Protein backbone atom coordinates (compact mmCIF):
# COMPACT_ATOMS: atom_id res chain seq x y z
CA UNK A 1 95.33 -157.43 125.58
CA UNK A 2 97.37 -154.10 125.57
CA UNK A 3 96.54 -151.23 122.79
CA UNK A 4 99.51 -150.76 121.12
CA UNK A 5 99.94 -146.32 120.83
CA UNK A 6 101.64 -144.84 118.44
CA UNK A 7 102.92 -141.60 118.71
CA UNK A 8 102.19 -139.33 115.44
CA UNK A 9 104.75 -139.77 112.97
CA UNK A 10 106.07 -142.99 115.41
CA UNK A 11 106.93 -146.27 115.14
CA UNK A 12 104.04 -147.39 118.26
CA UNK A 13 105.45 -147.99 121.51
CA UNK A 14 104.06 -151.05 122.77
CA UNK A 15 105.53 -152.68 126.48
CA UNK A 16 107.25 -155.30 124.64
CA UNK A 17 109.40 -152.29 122.68
CA UNK A 18 109.54 -150.72 125.90
CA UNK A 19 111.26 -153.75 127.36
CA UNK A 20 113.55 -154.12 125.04
CA UNK A 21 114.62 -150.79 125.29
CA UNK A 22 115.57 -150.77 129.00
CA UNK A 23 118.03 -154.01 128.30
CA UNK A 24 119.16 -152.39 125.66
CA UNK A 25 119.99 -148.96 127.74
CA UNK A 26 120.37 -151.58 131.16
CA UNK A 27 117.80 -149.65 133.32
CA UNK A 28 115.00 -151.03 135.16
CA UNK A 29 111.55 -149.53 135.07
CA UNK A 30 111.94 -147.62 138.03
CA UNK A 31 115.84 -146.22 136.75
CA UNK A 32 113.26 -144.99 133.86
CA UNK A 33 110.72 -143.12 135.48
CA UNK A 34 112.98 -141.57 138.15
CA UNK A 35 114.95 -140.86 134.65
CA UNK A 36 111.98 -139.10 132.86
CA UNK A 37 109.99 -137.65 135.53
CA UNK A 38 107.28 -140.35 135.34
CA UNK A 39 108.01 -142.05 137.92
CA UNK A 40 107.94 -146.56 137.63
CA UNK A 41 104.00 -147.03 138.92
CA UNK A 42 102.33 -145.06 136.42
CA UNK A 43 104.42 -147.05 134.15
CA UNK A 44 104.01 -150.77 135.32
CA UNK A 45 100.11 -149.45 135.16
CA UNK A 46 100.48 -148.83 131.53
CA UNK A 47 102.43 -151.73 130.79
CA UNK A 48 99.34 -153.30 131.91
CA UNK A 49 97.02 -150.97 129.97
CA UNK A 50 95.97 -149.46 132.94
CA UNK A 51 96.73 -146.23 132.85
CA UNK A 52 94.40 -143.78 132.48
CA UNK A 53 96.47 -141.54 130.08
CA UNK A 54 97.94 -144.76 128.33
CA UNK A 55 98.25 -142.71 125.00
CA UNK A 56 100.04 -139.43 126.74
CA UNK A 57 102.38 -141.76 128.95
CA UNK A 58 103.60 -143.48 125.47
CA UNK A 59 104.42 -140.23 124.08
CA UNK A 60 106.00 -139.00 126.49
CA UNK A 61 108.01 -142.43 126.63
CA UNK A 62 109.37 -142.59 123.62
CA UNK A 63 110.44 -139.28 123.43
CA UNK A 64 112.58 -139.63 126.13
CA UNK A 65 113.79 -143.17 125.63
CA UNK A 66 114.65 -141.29 121.67
CA UNK A 67 116.57 -138.88 123.33
CA UNK A 68 118.54 -141.27 124.98
CA UNK A 69 119.03 -142.85 121.54
CA UNK A 70 116.87 -146.02 121.11
CA UNK A 71 115.10 -146.71 118.22
CA UNK A 72 112.09 -148.24 118.31
CA UNK A 73 111.49 -149.82 114.47
CA UNK A 74 108.51 -151.14 112.53
CA UNK A 75 110.02 -155.20 112.28
CA UNK A 76 110.30 -155.13 116.20
CA UNK A 77 113.70 -153.92 116.46
CA UNK A 78 115.52 -151.76 118.64
CA UNK A 79 118.13 -150.05 118.28
CA UNK A 80 120.81 -147.87 120.45
CA UNK A 81 123.01 -145.53 118.63
CA UNK A 82 126.76 -144.74 120.11
CA UNK A 83 129.69 -142.92 118.84
CA UNK A 84 130.32 -146.21 116.73
CA UNK A 85 127.32 -147.02 114.72
CA UNK A 86 124.42 -149.22 115.64
CA UNK A 87 123.30 -152.01 118.00
CA UNK A 88 120.91 -154.29 116.81
CA UNK A 89 118.92 -155.83 119.82
CA UNK A 90 115.54 -157.69 119.15
CA UNK A 91 113.28 -157.33 121.78
CA UNK A 92 112.76 -160.45 124.31
CA UNK A 93 109.12 -162.00 123.89
CA UNK A 94 106.36 -160.41 126.34
CA UNK A 95 106.72 -162.09 130.38
CA UNK A 96 104.01 -161.44 133.62
CA UNK A 97 105.41 -158.79 135.12
């Protein structure tokens, strides 16, 4: 089981919430890795709970996605801000990578 991480004062970023954010943005893990400067392999390792700096990576990804307009909520919903308001998106169930 992957342990959730919580950047200070933020809702926890989990692999499920990450997948929801990527779906909202229409991005792949490769796209996120390139755009965030992290690379896709560390993100894949984090999704599996294998990245040695998992908390730092989760905080970085959370901040990057927030800057892209993604909001994570405690109820499991993920929102994307746009000029017309917010569009709700509920995280898909976990699937095998």
